[in-house]
PDB file of N, CA and C in Angstrom:
ATOM      1  N   MET A   1       0.831  -1.202   0.000  1.00  0.00           N
ATOM      2  CA  MET A   1       0.000   0.000   0.000  1.00  0.00           C
ATOM      3  C   MET A   1       0.870   1.257   0.000  1.00  0.00           C
ATOM      4  N   ARG A   2       1.971   1.226   0.743  1.00  0.00           N
ATOM      5  CA  ARG A   2       2.825   2.403   0.826  1.00  0.00           C
ATOM      6  C   ARG A   2       3.461   2.739  -0.504  1.00  0.00           C
ATOM      7  N   GLY A   3       3.682   1.759  -1.359  1.00  0.00           N
ATOM      8  CA  GLY A   3       4.329   2.003  -2.631  1.00  0.00           C
ATOM      9  C   GLY A   3       3.512   2.898  -3.552  1.00  0.00           C
ATOM     10  N   GLU A   4       2.248   3.063  -3.250  1.00  0.00           N
ATOM     11  CA  GLU A   4       1.370   3.869  -4.090  1.00  0.00           C
ATOM     12  C   GLU A   4       1.569   5.368  -3.906  1.00  0.00           C
ATOM     13  N   TYR A   5       2.173   5.782  -2.811  1.00  0.00           N
ATOM     14  CA  TYR A   5       2.247   7.198  -2.485  1.00  0.00           C
ATOM     15  C   TYR A   5       3.556   7.818  -2.962  1.00  0.00           C
ATOM     16  N   ASN A   6       3.459   9.024  -3.532  1.00  0.00           N
ATOM     17  CA  ASN A   6       4.689   9.725  -3.883  1.00  0.00           C
ATOM     18  C   ASN A   6       5.214  10.454  -2.643  1.00  0.00           C
ATOM     19  N   ARG A   7       6.348  11.093  -2.749  1.00  0.00           N
ATOM     20  CA  ARG A   7       6.976  11.678  -1.557  1.00  0.00           C
ATOM     21  C   ARG A   7       6.163  12.818  -0.959  1.00  0.00           C
ATOM     22  N   TYR A   8       5.407  13.529  -1.771  1.00  0.00           N
ATOM     23  CA  TYR A   8       4.589  14.624  -1.253  1.00  0.00           C
ATOM     24  C   TYR A   8       3.397  14.089  -0.461  1.00  0.00           C
ATOM     25  N   GLU A   9       2.794  13.035  -0.984  1.00  0.00           N
ATOM     26  CA  GLU A   9       1.688  12.406  -0.271  1.00  0.00           C
ATOM     27  C   GLU A   9       2.170  11.797   1.037  1.00  0.00           C
ATOM     28  N   LYS A  10       3.330  11.167   0.999  1.00  0.00           N
ATOM     29  CA  LYS A  10       3.902  10.587   2.210  1.00  0.00           C
ATOM     30  C   LYS A  10       4.148  11.664   3.262  1.00  0.00           C
ATOM     31  N   ALA A  11       4.715  12.792   2.842  1.00  0.00           N
ATOM     32  CA  ALA A  11       4.985  13.890   3.768  1.00  0.00           C
ATOM     33  C   ALA A  11       3.689  14.439   4.356  1.00  0.00           C
ATOM     34  N   ARG A  12       2.660  14.545   3.549  1.00  0.00           N
ATOM     35  CA  ARG A  12       1.366  15.055   4.021  1.00  0.00           C
ATOM     36  C   ARG A  12       0.727  14.091   5.010  1.00  0.00           C
ATOM     37  N   ILE A  13       0.805  12.802   4.731  1.00  0.00           N
ATOM     38  CA  ILE A  13       0.227  11.788   5.617  1.00  0.00           C
ATOM     39  C   ILE A  13       0.939  11.797   6.962  1.00  0.00           C
ATOM     40  N   ILE A  14       2.270  11.761   6.930  1.00  0.00           N
ATOM     41  CA  ILE A  14       3.036  11.730   8.176  1.00  0.00           C
ATOM     42  C   ILE A  14       2.839  13.024   8.959  1.00  0.00           C
ATOM     43  N   GLY A  15       2.808  14.159   8.277  1.00  0.00           N
ATOM     44  CA  GLY A  15       2.592  15.442   8.949  1.00  0.00           C
ATOM     45  C   GLY A  15       1.223  15.536   9.602  1.00  0.00           C
ATOM     46  N   ALA A  16       0.205  15.077   8.893  1.00  0.00           N
ATOM     47  CA  ALA A  16      -1.152  15.114   9.439  1.00  0.00           C
ATOM     48  C   ALA A  16      -1.267  14.198  10.648  1.00  0.00           C
ATOM     49  N   ARG A  17      -0.654  13.032  10.564  1.00  0.00           N
ATOM     50  CA  ARG A  17      -0.708  12.095  11.686  1.00  0.00           C
ATOM     51  C   ARG A  17       0.080  12.616  12.880  1.00  0.00           C
ATOM     52  N   ALA A  18       1.222  13.249  12.626  1.00  0.00           N
ATOM     53  CA  ALA A  18       2.018  13.823  13.714  1.00  0.00           C
ATOM     54  C   ALA A  18       1.216  14.896  14.446  1.00  0.00           C
ATOM     55  N   LEU A  19       0.455  15.681  13.716  1.00  0.00           N
ATOM     56  CA  LEU A  19      -0.395  16.695  14.343  1.00  0.00           C
ATOM     57  C   LEU A  19      -1.454  16.036  15.224  1.00  0.00           C
ATOM     58  N   GLN A  20      -2.054  14.974  14.739  1.00  0.00           N
ATOM     59  CA  GLN A  20      -3.043  14.249  15.539  1.00  0.00           C
ATOM     60  C   GLN A  20      -2.426  13.712  16.822  1.00  0.00           C
ATOM     61  N   VAL A  21      -1.246  13.117  16.704  1.00  0.00           N
ATOM     62  CA  VAL A  21      -0.568  12.552  17.876  1.00  0.00           C
ATOM     63  C   VAL A  21      -0.218  13.657  18.866  1.00  0.00           C
ATOM     64  N   SER A  22       0.230  14.808  18.354  1.00  0.00           N
ATOM     65  CA  SER A  22       0.602  15.910  19.247  1.00  0.00           C
ATOM     66  C   SER A  22      -0.604  16.459  20.003  1.00  0.00           C
ATOM     67  N   TYR A  23      -1.800  16.279  19.446  1.00  0.00           N
ATOM     68  CA  TYR A  23      -3.016  16.716  20.136  1.00  0.00           C
ATOM     69  C   TYR A  23      -3.656  15.614  20.978  1.00  0.00           C
ATOM     70  N   GLY A  24      -2.940  14.490  21.146  1.00  0.00           N
ATOM     71  CA  GLY A  24      -3.406  13.469  22.065  1.00  0.00           C
ATOM     72  C   GLY A  24      -4.073  12.256  21.464  1.00  0.00           C
ATOM     73  N   ALA A  25      -4.010  12.087  20.158  1.00  0.00           N
ATOM     74  CA  ALA A  25      -4.600  10.894  19.550  1.00  0.00           C
ATOM     75  C   ALA A  25      -3.848   9.651  20.015  1.00  0.00           C
ATOM     76  N   PRO A  26      -4.532   8.523  20.145  1.00  0.00           N
ATOM     77  CA  PRO A  26      -3.842   7.309  20.581  1.00  0.00           C
ATOM     78  C   PRO A  26      -2.817   6.853  19.545  1.00  0.00           C
ATOM     79  N   VAL A  27      -1.690   6.352  20.031  1.00  0.00           N
ATOM     80  CA  VAL A  27      -0.629   5.854  19.162  1.00  0.00           C
ATOM     81  C   VAL A  27      -0.985   4.439  18.734  1.00  0.00           C
ATOM     82  N   LEU A  28      -0.801   4.130  17.452  1.00  0.00           N
ATOM     83  CA  LEU A  28      -1.249   2.869  16.883  1.00  0.00           C
ATOM     84  C   LEU A  28      -0.188   1.774  16.870  1.00  0.00           C
ATOM     85  N   VAL A  29       1.030   2.083  17.299  1.00  0.00           N
ATOM     86  CA  VAL A  29       2.106   1.083  17.366  1.00  0.00           C
ATOM     87  C   VAL A  29       2.798   1.178  18.715  1.00  0.00           C
ATOM     88  N   ASP A  30       3.439   0.086  19.112  1.00  0.00           N
ATOM     89  CA  ASP A  30       4.266   0.124  20.317  1.00  0.00           C
ATOM     90  C   ASP A  30       5.608   0.748  19.947  1.00  0.00           C
ATOM     91  N   THR A  31       5.978   1.823  20.635  1.00  0.00           N
ATOM     92  CA  THR A  31       7.211   2.527  20.306  1.00  0.00           C
ATOM     93  C   THR A  31       7.792   3.178  21.544  1.00  0.00           C
ATOM     94  N   ASP A  32       9.088   3.416  21.493  1.00  0.00           N
ATOM     95  CA  ASP A  32       9.771   4.145  22.565  1.00  0.00           C
ATOM     96  C   ASP A  32       9.917   5.625  22.223  1.00  0.00           C
ATOM     97  N   GLN A  33       9.496   6.015  21.029  1.00  0.00           N
ATOM     98  CA  GLN A  33       9.633   7.405  20.580  1.00  0.00           C
ATOM     99  C   GLN A  33       8.708   8.321  21.374  1.00  0.00           C
ATOM    100  N   THR A  34       9.144   9.572  21.505  1.00  0.00           N
ATOM    101  CA  THR A  34       8.309  10.574  22.170  1.00  0.00           C
ATOM    102  C   THR A  34       7.939  11.727  21.251  1.00  0.00           C
ATOM    103  N   GLU A  35       8.669  11.902  20.157  1.00  0.00           N
ATOM    104  CA  GLU A  35       8.381  12.977  19.204  1.00  0.00           C
ATOM    105  C   GLU A  35       7.255  12.538  18.264  1.00  0.00           C
ATOM    106  N   PRO A  36       6.219  13.362  18.123  1.00  0.00           N
ATOM    107  CA  PRO A  36       5.086  12.979  17.269  1.00  0.00           C
ATOM    108  C   PRO A  36       5.476  12.644  15.829  1.00  0.00           C
ATOM    109  N   ILE A  37       6.434  13.364  15.261  1.00  0.00           N
ATOM    110  CA  ILE A  37       6.820  13.100  13.869  1.00  0.00           C
ATOM    111  C   ILE A  37       7.472  11.734  13.726  1.00  0.00           C
ATOM    112  N   LEU A  38       8.243  11.332  14.736  1.00  0.00           N
ATOM    113  CA  LEU A  38       8.892  10.022  14.694  1.00  0.00           C
ATOM    114  C   LEU A  38       7.886   8.904  14.930  1.00  0.00           C
ATOM    115  N   ILE A  39       6.913   9.166  15.792  1.00  0.00           N
ATOM    116  CA  ILE A  39       5.836   8.196  16.013  1.00  0.00           C
ATOM    117  C   ILE A  39       5.042   8.007  14.717  1.00  0.00           C
ATOM    118  N   ALA A  40       4.708   9.111  14.065  1.00  0.00           N
ATOM    119  CA  ALA A  40       3.947   9.045  12.817  1.00  0.00           C
ATOM    120  C   ALA A  40       4.732   8.307  11.736  1.00  0.00           C
ATOM    121  N   ALA A  41       6.033   8.517  11.675  1.00  0.00           N
ATOM    122  CA  ALA A  41       6.858   7.814  10.692  1.00  0.00           C
ATOM    123  C   ALA A  41       6.877   6.315  10.967  1.00  0.00           C
ATOM    124  N   GLU A  42       6.947   5.936  12.229  1.00  0.00           N
ATOM    125  CA  GLU A  42       6.900   4.507  12.571  1.00  0.00           C
ATOM    126  C   GLU A  42       5.544   3.903  12.210  1.00  0.00           C
ATOM    127  N   GLU A  43       4.479   4.644  12.459  1.00  0.00           N
ATOM    128  CA  GLU A  43       3.148   4.158  12.096  1.00  0.00           C
ATOM    129  C   GLU A  43       3.033   4.002  10.578  1.00  0.00           C
ATOM    130  N   TYR A  44       3.588   4.948   9.839  1.00  0.00           N
ATOM    131  CA  TYR A  44       3.569   4.863   8.380  1.00  0.00           C
ATOM    132  C   TYR A  44       4.333   3.624   7.907  1.00  0.00           C
ATOM    133  N   ASP A  45       5.511   3.408   8.480  1.00  0.00           N
ATOM    134  CA  ASP A  45       6.323   2.251   8.101  1.00  0.00           C
ATOM    135  C   ASP A  45       5.627   0.931   8.454  1.00  0.00           C
ATOM    136  N   ALA A  46       4.851   0.937   9.539  1.00  0.00           N
ATOM    137  CA  ALA A  46       4.118  -0.266   9.942  1.00  0.00           C
ATOM    138  C   ALA A  46       2.838  -0.453   9.121  1.00  0.00           C
ATOM    139  N   ASP A  47       2.504   0.520   8.289  1.00  0.00           N
ATOM    140  CA  ASP A  47       1.326   0.468   7.409  1.00  0.00           C
ATOM    141  C   ASP A  47       0.030   0.322   8.205  1.00  0.00           C
ATOM    142  N   VAL A  48      -0.103   1.102   9.292  1.00  0.00           N
ATOM    143  CA  VAL A  48      -1.300   1.033  10.125  1.00  0.00           C
ATOM    144  C   VAL A  48      -2.131   2.318  10.085  1.00  0.00           C
ATOM    145  N   LEU A  49      -1.736   3.276   9.275  1.00  0.00           N
ATOM    146  CA  LEU A  49      -2.456   4.553   9.257  1.00  0.00           C
ATOM    147  C   LEU A  49      -3.719   4.455   8.405  1.00  0.00           C
ATOM    148  N   PRO A  50      -4.830   4.920   8.930  1.00  0.00           N
ATOM    149  CA  PRO A  50      -6.100   4.842   8.198  1.00  0.00           C
ATOM    150  C   PRO A  50      -6.344   6.072   7.320  1.00  0.00           C
ATOM    151  N   PHE A  51      -5.371   6.411   6.477  1.00  0.00           N
ATOM    152  CA  PHE A  51      -5.515   7.569   5.599  1.00  0.00           C
ATOM    153  C   PHE A  51      -5.782   7.097   4.182  1.00  0.00           C
ATOM    154  N   THR A  52      -6.569   7.875   3.458  1.00  0.00           N
ATOM    155  CA  THR A  52      -6.848   7.631   2.049  1.00  0.00           C
ATOM    156  C   THR A  52      -6.431   8.857   1.264  1.00  0.00           C
ATOM    157  N   VAL A  53      -5.766   8.643   0.151  1.00  0.00           N
ATOM    158  CA  VAL A  53      -5.344   9.740  -0.711  1.00  0.00           C
ATOM    159  C   VAL A  53      -6.239   9.755  -1.931  1.00  0.00           C
ATOM    160  N   ARG A  54      -6.881  10.896  -2.150  1.00  0.00           N
ATOM    161  CA  ARG A  54      -7.724  11.056  -3.348  1.00  0.00           C
ATOM    162  C   ARG A  54      -6.968  11.873  -4.359  1.00  0.00           C
ATOM    163  N   ARG A  55      -6.911  11.372  -5.583  1.00  0.00           N
ATOM    164  CA  ARG A  55      -6.215  12.066  -6.662  1.00  0.00           C
ATOM    165  C   ARG A  55      -7.223  12.482  -7.722  1.00  0.00           C
ATOM    166  N   GLU A  56      -7.059  13.686  -8.196  1.00  0.00           N
ATOM    167  CA  GLU A  56      -7.895  14.169  -9.303  1.00  0.00           C
ATOM    168  C   GLU A  56      -7.294  13.660 -10.615  1.00  0.00           C
ATOM    169  N   GLN A  57      -8.150  13.247 -11.517  1.00  0.00           N
ATOM    170  CA  GLN A  57      -7.642  12.732 -12.795  1.00  0.00           C
ATOM    171  C   GLN A  57      -8.062  13.601 -13.932  1.00  0.00           C
TER     172      GLN A  57
END
């Protein structure tokens, strides 16, 4: 699933998730990280983020 996203979409997904985590959203993976951006990157790598990317054609 991750292979479908280009680098801009990946950055947007991780950034949006990091914002959610910084506002207190539950973390979806077991991690020792404390920085929201690093937590979001781990969640992205684990392929557990419930984000959908819509592209205009």
